[in-house]
Amino acid sequence: MSIDVRLAELGITLPEAAAPVAAYVPAVEIGGLLHLSGQLPFDDGALMTGYVGDTRDADYGKKAAERCAVMILAQVKKALGSLDRVERIVKLGVFVASDPAFTGQPAVANGASELMVAVFGDAGRHARSAVGVPVLPLGAVVEVDAVIAIRPA
């Protein structure tokens, strides 16, 4: 089954891939790997902002991590032309803007991880980092980057 069909089954519509906000590129393909720059969470076109454990709860953070993962998929499709070239999600790095006392970053990161497994099945299982940070670009609540193994074109 194609990944586009799987996305439709899950009710996921990919947004337009976000343009870089500084001096970098969204994706670099080298040695069979696609490295994705950090992606921010957008819900209905609005940036999801705040601090988990302070102005936002963990459920909001988890949803934001999922929205970051959707943007990663949009960037992959733009870079490769098709999500069917994805062989494996290798690693996700999840950064959570959070209160210093908040220690639930892994549960927040599950929003991104669970989406990758839902879309790619076993090929979506990956290594991961989940890190609490004091601030993210533009006040985003979560940022996610990725390393993805890809099939030749």
N, C-alpha and C. Protein backbone atom coordinates (compact mmCIF):
# COMPACT_ATOMS: atom_id res chain seq x y z
N MET A 1 0.84 -1.17 0.00
CA MET A 1 0.00 0.00 0.00
C MET A 1 0.89 1.24 0.00
N SER A 2 0.53 2.23 -0.79
CA SER A 2 1.32 3.46 -0.84
C SER A 2 1.11 4.26 0.44
N ILE A 3 2.10 5.05 0.78
CA ILE A 3 2.01 5.88 1.98
C ILE A 3 0.91 6.93 1.83
N ASP A 4 0.69 7.45 0.62
CA ASP A 4 -0.39 8.42 0.42
C ASP A 4 -1.75 7.80 0.75
N VAL A 5 -1.94 6.53 0.39
CA VAL A 5 -3.18 5.82 0.73
C VAL A 5 -3.28 5.67 2.24
N ARG A 6 -2.17 5.32 2.89
CA ARG A 6 -2.17 5.16 4.34
C ARG A 6 -2.51 6.49 5.03
N LEU A 7 -1.94 7.60 4.54
CA LEU A 7 -2.26 8.90 5.12
C LEU A 7 -3.75 9.21 4.99
N ALA A 8 -4.32 8.89 3.83
CA ALA A 8 -5.76 9.13 3.62
C ALA A 8 -6.57 8.29 4.61
N GLU A 9 -6.18 7.03 4.81
CA GLU A 9 -6.87 6.17 5.78
C GLU A 9 -6.83 6.76 7.18
N LEU A 10 -5.71 7.40 7.52
CA LEU A 10 -5.55 8.00 8.84
C LEU A 10 -6.17 9.40 8.94
N GLY A 11 -6.68 9.91 7.81
CA GLY A 11 -7.28 11.23 7.79
C GLY A 11 -6.27 12.36 7.88
N ILE A 12 -5.05 12.10 7.41
CA ILE A 12 -3.97 13.10 7.48
C ILE A 12 -3.79 13.74 6.11
N THR A 13 -3.90 15.05 6.08
CA THR A 13 -3.61 15.83 4.88
C THR A 13 -2.32 16.59 5.14
N LEU A 14 -1.34 16.41 4.26
CA LEU A 14 -0.07 17.10 4.45
C LEU A 14 -0.19 18.57 4.08
N PRO A 15 0.37 19.43 4.93
CA PRO A 15 0.37 20.86 4.62
C PRO A 15 1.46 21.17 3.60
N GLU A 16 1.50 22.40 3.14
CA GLU A 16 2.64 22.87 2.34
C GLU A 16 3.87 22.83 3.23
N ALA A 17 4.97 22.29 2.70
CA ALA A 17 6.21 22.23 3.48
C ALA A 17 6.65 23.64 3.84
N ALA A 18 6.98 23.85 5.11
CA ALA A 18 7.38 25.18 5.59
C ALA A 18 8.73 25.60 5.01
N ALA A 19 8.83 26.87 4.69
CA ALA A 19 10.10 27.43 4.21
C ALA A 19 11.02 27.66 5.40
N PRO A 20 12.33 27.59 5.19
CA PRO A 20 13.26 27.87 6.29
C PRO A 20 13.09 29.30 6.80
N VAL A 21 13.31 29.48 8.11
CA VAL A 21 13.20 30.82 8.70
C VAL A 21 14.56 31.46 8.94
N ALA A 22 15.64 30.78 8.51
CA ALA A 22 16.99 31.32 8.70
C ALA A 22 17.90 30.72 7.62
N ALA A 23 19.21 30.72 7.86
CA ALA A 23 20.19 30.31 6.85
C ALA A 23 20.46 28.80 6.92
N TYR A 24 19.53 28.00 6.43
CA TYR A 24 19.67 26.55 6.36
C TYR A 24 18.72 26.02 5.29
N VAL A 25 18.85 24.74 4.98
CA VAL A 25 17.92 24.08 4.06
C VAL A 25 17.07 23.09 4.85
N PRO A 26 15.86 22.82 4.40
CA PRO A 26 14.98 21.92 5.15
C PRO A 26 15.44 20.46 5.15
N ALA A 27 16.13 20.03 4.08
CA ALA A 27 16.51 18.63 3.97
C ALA A 27 17.83 18.49 3.22
N VAL A 28 18.63 17.51 3.68
CA VAL A 28 19.88 17.17 3.01
C VAL A 28 19.90 15.65 2.83
N GLU A 29 20.06 15.23 1.57
CA GLU A 29 20.15 13.80 1.25
C GLU A 29 21.61 13.44 1.02
N ILE A 30 22.11 12.45 1.76
CA ILE A 30 23.49 12.00 1.59
C ILE A 30 23.63 10.57 2.11
N GLY A 31 24.31 9.74 1.34
CA GLY A 31 24.60 8.38 1.77
C GLY A 31 23.38 7.55 2.12
N GLY A 32 22.30 7.71 1.39
CA GLY A 32 21.10 6.92 1.65
C GLY A 32 20.27 7.41 2.83
N LEU A 33 20.66 8.56 3.37
CA LEU A 33 19.92 9.14 4.49
C LEU A 33 19.40 10.52 4.13
N LEU A 34 18.23 10.84 4.61
CA LEU A 34 17.68 12.18 4.46
C LEU A 34 17.66 12.80 5.86
N HIS A 35 18.40 13.89 6.02
CA HIS A 35 18.45 14.61 7.29
C HIS A 35 17.49 15.78 7.20
N LEU A 36 16.53 15.84 8.12
CA LEU A 36 15.53 16.90 8.12
C LEU A 36 15.84 17.90 9.22
N SER A 37 15.82 19.18 8.87
CA SER A 37 15.96 20.24 9.86
C SER A 37 14.76 20.21 10.79
N GLY A 38 14.92 20.84 11.94
CA GLY A 38 13.83 20.89 12.91
C GLY A 38 12.58 21.52 12.33
N GLN A 39 11.45 20.89 12.61
CA GLN A 39 10.16 21.36 12.12
C GLN A 39 9.31 21.80 13.31
N LEU A 40 8.58 22.88 13.10
CA LEU A 40 7.73 23.45 14.14
C LEU A 40 6.28 22.99 13.96
N PRO A 41 5.49 23.08 15.03
CA PRO A 41 4.10 22.60 14.97
C PRO A 41 3.12 23.69 14.54
N PHE A 42 2.36 23.38 13.51
CA PHE A 42 1.30 24.27 13.06
C PHE A 42 -0.03 23.52 13.12
N ASP A 43 -1.03 24.17 13.67
CA ASP A 43 -2.37 23.60 13.75
C ASP A 43 -3.31 24.58 13.04
N ASP A 44 -3.88 24.16 11.94
CA ASP A 44 -4.73 25.04 11.12
C ASP A 44 -4.00 26.33 10.75
N GLY A 45 -2.71 26.20 10.43
CA GLY A 45 -1.91 27.33 9.98
C GLY A 45 -1.34 28.20 11.08
N ALA A 46 -1.72 27.94 12.33
CA ALA A 46 -1.22 28.75 13.45
C ALA A 46 -0.11 28.00 14.19
N LEU A 47 0.98 28.70 14.49
CA LEU A 47 2.07 28.10 15.25
C LEU A 47 1.61 27.78 16.67
N MET A 48 1.90 26.57 17.12
CA MET A 48 1.57 26.16 18.48
C MET A 48 2.70 26.62 19.40
N THR A 49 2.39 27.45 20.38
CA THR A 49 3.40 28.08 21.22
C THR A 49 3.16 27.76 22.69
N GLY A 50 4.13 28.16 23.53
CA GLY A 50 3.98 28.03 24.97
C GLY A 50 5.04 27.16 25.60
N TYR A 51 4.83 26.83 26.87
CA TYR A 51 5.76 26.02 27.66
C TYR A 51 4.99 24.91 28.35
N VAL A 52 5.38 23.67 28.07
CA VAL A 52 4.72 22.53 28.70
C VAL A 52 5.06 22.53 30.19
N GLY A 53 4.06 22.33 31.00
CA GLY A 53 4.24 22.36 32.44
C GLY A 53 4.06 23.74 33.03
N ASP A 54 3.79 24.71 32.17
CA ASP A 54 3.55 26.09 32.62
C ASP A 54 2.29 26.59 31.92
N THR A 55 2.43 27.16 30.73
CA THR A 55 1.27 27.70 30.01
C THR A 55 0.52 26.65 29.20
N ARG A 56 1.12 25.47 29.02
CA ARG A 56 0.50 24.39 28.24
C ARG A 56 0.63 23.07 29.00
N ASP A 57 -0.34 22.16 28.78
CA ASP A 57 -0.24 20.85 29.42
C ASP A 57 0.41 19.84 28.48
N ALA A 58 0.69 18.66 29.02
CA ALA A 58 1.39 17.62 28.25
C ALA A 58 0.60 17.17 27.03
N ASP A 59 -0.72 17.15 27.10
CA ASP A 59 -1.53 16.75 25.94
C ASP A 59 -1.36 17.74 24.79
N TYR A 60 -1.31 19.02 25.10
CA TYR A 60 -1.06 20.04 24.07
C TYR A 60 0.31 19.81 23.45
N GLY A 61 1.31 19.53 24.29
CA GLY A 61 2.65 19.26 23.78
C GLY A 61 2.69 18.03 22.90
N LYS A 62 1.98 16.98 23.29
CA LYS A 62 1.94 15.75 22.49
C LYS A 62 1.31 16.02 21.12
N LYS A 63 0.23 16.80 21.12
CA LYS A 63 -0.40 17.16 19.85
C LYS A 63 0.57 17.98 19.00
N ALA A 64 1.31 18.88 19.62
CA ALA A 64 2.30 19.69 18.90
C ALA A 64 3.39 18.80 18.29
N ALA A 65 3.84 17.80 19.04
CA ALA A 65 4.85 16.88 18.51
C ALA A 65 4.30 16.12 17.30
N GLU A 66 3.04 15.74 17.36
CA GLU A 66 2.40 15.07 16.21
C GLU A 66 2.36 16.00 15.01
N ARG A 67 2.01 17.27 15.25
CA ARG A 67 1.96 18.24 14.14
C ARG A 67 3.36 18.47 13.55
N CYS A 68 4.39 18.44 14.37
CA CYS A 68 5.76 18.52 13.86
C CYS A 68 6.04 17.33 12.94
N ALA A 69 5.60 16.15 13.36
CA ALA A 69 5.82 14.94 12.55
C ALA A 69 5.10 15.04 11.21
N VAL A 70 3.91 15.63 11.20
CA VAL A 70 3.19 15.83 9.94
C VAL A 70 4.01 16.76 9.04
N MET A 71 4.60 17.81 9.61
CA MET A 71 5.43 18.72 8.81
C MET A 71 6.69 18.01 8.31
N ILE A 72 7.24 17.10 9.11
CA ILE A 72 8.38 16.30 8.63
C ILE A 72 7.97 15.52 7.40
N LEU A 73 6.81 14.89 7.43
CA LEU A 73 6.33 14.14 6.27
C LEU A 73 6.17 15.05 5.06
N ALA A 74 5.67 16.25 5.27
CA ALA A 74 5.52 17.20 4.16
C ALA A 74 6.89 17.56 3.58
N GLN A 75 7.88 17.75 4.44
CA GLN A 75 9.24 18.06 3.96
C GLN A 75 9.85 16.88 3.21
N VAL A 76 9.62 15.67 3.70
CA VAL A 76 10.13 14.47 3.02
C VAL A 76 9.52 14.36 1.63
N LYS A 77 8.21 14.54 1.56
CA LYS A 77 7.54 14.44 0.25
C LYS A 77 8.06 15.51 -0.71
N LYS A 78 8.29 16.72 -0.21
CA LYS A 78 8.82 17.78 -1.07
C LYS A 78 10.24 17.45 -1.53
N ALA A 79 11.05 16.91 -0.64
CA ALA A 79 12.46 16.62 -0.96
C ALA A 79 12.59 15.43 -1.90
N LEU A 80 11.75 14.40 -1.71
CA LEU A 80 11.92 13.14 -2.46
C LEU A 80 10.89 12.94 -3.57
N GLY A 81 9.80 13.69 -3.52
CA GLY A 81 8.75 13.51 -4.51
C GLY A 81 7.72 12.48 -4.12
N SER A 82 8.08 11.56 -3.22
CA SER A 82 7.16 10.51 -2.79
C SER A 82 7.59 9.99 -1.42
N LEU A 83 6.63 9.78 -0.56
CA LEU A 83 6.91 9.17 0.74
C LEU A 83 7.19 7.67 0.61
N ASP A 84 6.89 7.11 -0.55
CA ASP A 84 7.16 5.69 -0.76
C ASP A 84 8.65 5.38 -0.83
N ARG A 85 9.49 6.41 -0.93
CA ARG A 85 10.94 6.20 -0.91
C ARG A 85 11.48 6.02 0.51
N VAL A 86 10.65 6.25 1.51
CA VAL A 86 11.10 6.08 2.90
C VAL A 86 11.28 4.59 3.19
N GLU A 87 12.49 4.24 3.60
CA GLU A 87 12.78 2.86 3.97
C GLU A 87 12.59 2.66 5.47
N ARG A 88 13.03 3.65 6.24
CA ARG A 88 12.95 3.55 7.70
C ARG A 88 13.11 4.92 8.33
N ILE A 89 12.33 5.18 9.36
CA ILE A 89 12.58 6.34 10.20
C ILE A 89 13.70 5.91 11.15
N VAL A 90 14.85 6.55 11.05
CA VAL A 90 16.01 6.13 11.83
C VAL A 90 16.01 6.78 13.22
N LYS A 91 15.83 8.10 13.26
CA LYS A 91 15.90 8.81 14.54
C LYS A 91 15.10 10.09 14.50
N LEU A 92 14.44 10.37 15.62
CA LEU A 92 13.78 11.64 15.82
C LEU A 92 14.45 12.35 17.00
N GLY A 93 14.63 13.64 16.86
CA GLY A 93 15.08 14.47 17.96
C GLY A 93 13.91 15.39 18.31
N VAL A 94 13.43 15.30 19.54
CA VAL A 94 12.26 16.06 19.96
C VAL A 94 12.68 17.04 21.06
N PHE A 95 12.44 18.30 20.82
CA PHE A 95 12.80 19.36 21.75
C PHE A 95 11.51 19.98 22.27
N VAL A 96 11.36 20.02 23.58
CA VAL A 96 10.13 20.48 24.21
C VAL A 96 10.42 21.72 25.05
N ALA A 97 9.83 22.84 24.70
CA ALA A 97 9.93 24.04 25.53
C ALA A 97 9.12 23.75 26.78
N SER A 98 9.82 23.66 27.92
CA SER A 98 9.11 23.22 29.12
C SER A 98 9.64 23.90 30.37
N ASP A 99 8.77 23.92 31.35
CA ASP A 99 9.12 24.41 32.67
C ASP A 99 10.25 23.53 33.23
N PRO A 100 11.20 24.11 33.96
CA PRO A 100 12.31 23.31 34.50
C PRO A 100 11.87 22.14 35.38
N ALA A 101 10.70 22.22 35.99
CA ALA A 101 10.22 21.13 36.84
C ALA A 101 9.50 20.03 36.05
N PHE A 102 9.20 20.29 34.78
CA PHE A 102 8.48 19.30 33.96
C PHE A 102 9.46 18.23 33.49
N THR A 103 9.11 16.96 33.70
CA THR A 103 9.99 15.85 33.31
C THR A 103 9.29 14.86 32.38
N GLY A 104 8.19 15.25 31.78
CA GLY A 104 7.43 14.35 30.92
C GLY A 104 7.72 14.49 29.44
N GLN A 105 8.93 14.93 29.09
CA GLN A 105 9.27 15.11 27.67
C GLN A 105 9.08 13.83 26.85
N PRO A 106 9.42 12.64 27.38
CA PRO A 106 9.19 11.43 26.58
C PRO A 106 7.73 11.22 26.19
N ALA A 107 6.80 11.52 27.10
CA ALA A 107 5.38 11.37 26.78
C ALA A 107 4.95 12.37 25.71
N VAL A 108 5.49 13.59 25.78
CA VAL A 108 5.20 14.59 24.74
C VAL A 108 5.73 14.10 23.40
N ALA A 109 6.96 13.60 23.39
CA ALA A 109 7.60 13.12 22.16
C ALA A 109 6.83 11.97 21.52
N ASN A 110 6.08 11.23 22.31
CA ASN A 110 5.30 10.13 21.75
C ASN A 110 4.32 10.59 20.67
N GLY A 111 3.92 11.85 20.69
CA GLY A 111 3.05 12.36 19.64
C GLY A 111 3.68 12.19 18.26
N ALA A 112 4.97 12.47 18.15
CA ALA A 112 5.69 12.30 16.88
C ALA A 112 5.97 10.82 16.62
N SER A 113 6.43 10.12 17.64
CA SER A 113 6.79 8.71 17.46
C SER A 113 5.60 7.85 17.05
N GLU A 114 4.48 8.05 17.72
CA GLU A 114 3.30 7.25 17.42
C GLU A 114 2.78 7.52 16.01
N LEU A 115 2.91 8.76 15.54
CA LEU A 115 2.47 9.06 14.18
C LEU A 115 3.34 8.32 13.16
N MET A 116 4.65 8.29 13.38
CA MET A 116 5.54 7.61 12.43
C MET A 116 5.22 6.12 12.35
N VAL A 117 4.91 5.50 13.48
CA VAL A 117 4.55 4.08 13.47
C VAL A 117 3.20 3.88 12.80
N ALA A 118 2.26 4.78 13.05
CA ALA A 118 0.94 4.67 12.41
C ALA A 118 1.06 4.76 10.89
N VAL A 119 1.96 5.60 10.41
CA VAL A 119 2.11 5.81 8.96
C VAL A 119 2.95 4.71 8.31
N PHE A 120 4.08 4.37 8.93
CA PHE A 120 5.05 3.48 8.28
C PHE A 120 5.10 2.07 8.89
N GLY A 121 4.31 1.77 9.90
CA GLY A 121 4.36 0.46 10.53
C GLY A 121 5.71 0.25 11.19
N ASP A 122 6.24 -0.97 11.11
CA ASP A 122 7.53 -1.27 11.75
C ASP A 122 8.65 -0.38 11.25
N ALA A 123 8.58 0.06 9.99
CA ALA A 123 9.62 0.94 9.44
C ALA A 123 9.56 2.33 10.09
N GLY A 124 8.51 2.61 10.84
CA GLY A 124 8.40 3.88 11.55
C GLY A 124 8.99 3.84 12.95
N ARG A 125 9.38 2.64 13.43
CA ARG A 125 10.01 2.54 14.75
C ARG A 125 11.43 3.08 14.66
N HIS A 126 11.84 3.86 15.64
CA HIS A 126 13.06 4.64 15.50
C HIS A 126 13.73 4.86 16.85
N ALA A 127 14.99 5.26 16.79
CA ALA A 127 15.67 5.78 17.98
C ALA A 127 15.18 7.20 18.19
N ARG A 128 15.37 7.73 19.44
CA ARG A 128 14.82 9.05 19.71
C ARG A 128 15.51 9.72 20.88
N SER A 129 15.55 11.03 20.81
CA SER A 129 15.90 11.86 21.95
C SER A 129 14.70 12.72 22.27
N ALA A 130 14.45 12.96 23.57
CA ALA A 130 13.38 13.85 24.01
C ALA A 130 13.99 14.77 25.06
N VAL A 131 14.13 16.04 24.72
CA VAL A 131 14.90 16.97 25.53
C VAL A 131 14.06 18.19 25.90
N GLY A 132 14.12 18.58 27.15
CA GLY A 132 13.48 19.81 27.59
C GLY A 132 14.43 20.98 27.36
N VAL A 133 13.90 22.06 26.82
CA VAL A 133 14.70 23.25 26.54
C VAL A 133 13.96 24.49 27.05
N PRO A 134 14.70 25.58 27.33
CA PRO A 134 14.06 26.78 27.87
C PRO A 134 13.28 27.59 26.84
N VAL A 135 13.67 27.52 25.56
CA VAL A 135 12.98 28.30 24.53
C VAL A 135 13.26 27.68 23.17
N LEU A 136 12.29 27.81 22.27
CA LEU A 136 12.43 27.33 20.90
C LEU A 136 12.16 28.49 19.93
N PRO A 137 12.58 28.36 18.67
CA PRO A 137 12.36 29.42 17.70
C PRO A 137 10.89 29.86 17.63
N LEU A 138 10.70 31.15 17.54
CA LEU A 138 9.38 31.77 17.38
C LEU A 138 8.42 31.46 18.52
N GLY A 139 8.94 30.96 19.64
CA GLY A 139 8.10 30.63 20.79
C GLY A 139 7.38 29.30 20.66
N ALA A 140 7.80 28.47 19.69
CA ALA A 140 7.16 27.16 19.50
C ALA A 140 7.25 26.33 20.77
N VAL A 141 6.26 25.47 20.97
CA VAL A 141 6.22 24.61 22.15
C VAL A 141 7.04 23.33 21.92
N VAL A 142 7.16 22.87 20.68
CA VAL A 142 7.92 21.66 20.34
C VAL A 142 8.60 21.87 19.00
N GLU A 143 9.76 21.24 18.82
CA GLU A 143 10.45 21.18 17.54
C GLU A 143 10.95 19.75 17.37
N VAL A 144 10.83 19.22 16.16
CA VAL A 144 11.27 17.83 15.90
C VAL A 144 12.13 17.82 14.64
N ASP A 145 13.30 17.15 14.73
CA ASP A 145 14.11 16.90 13.54
C ASP A 145 14.18 15.39 13.32
N ALA A 146 14.73 14.98 12.17
CA ALA A 146 14.69 13.55 11.84
C ALA A 146 15.85 13.14 10.94
N VAL A 147 16.17 11.85 11.05
CA VAL A 147 17.07 11.19 10.11
C VAL A 147 16.29 10.00 9.56
N ILE A 148 16.23 9.91 8.22
CA ILE A 148 15.38 8.93 7.56
C ILE A 148 16.18 8.17 6.51
N ALA A 149 16.15 6.84 6.56
CA ALA A 149 16.78 6.01 5.53
C ALA A 149 15.85 5.99 4.32
N ILE A 150 16.43 6.17 3.12
CA ILE A 150 15.60 6.25 1.92
C ILE A 150 16.07 5.27 0.85
N ARG A 151 15.12 4.89 0.02
CA ARG A 151 15.40 4.03 -1.13
C ARG A 151 15.90 4.90 -2.28
N PRO A 152 16.74 4.34 -3.16
CA PRO A 152 17.17 5.12 -4.35
C PRO A 152 15.97 5.51 -5.21
N ALA A 153 16.11 6.62 -5.91
CA ALA A 153 15.04 7.11 -6.79
C ALA A 153 14.88 6.20 -7.99
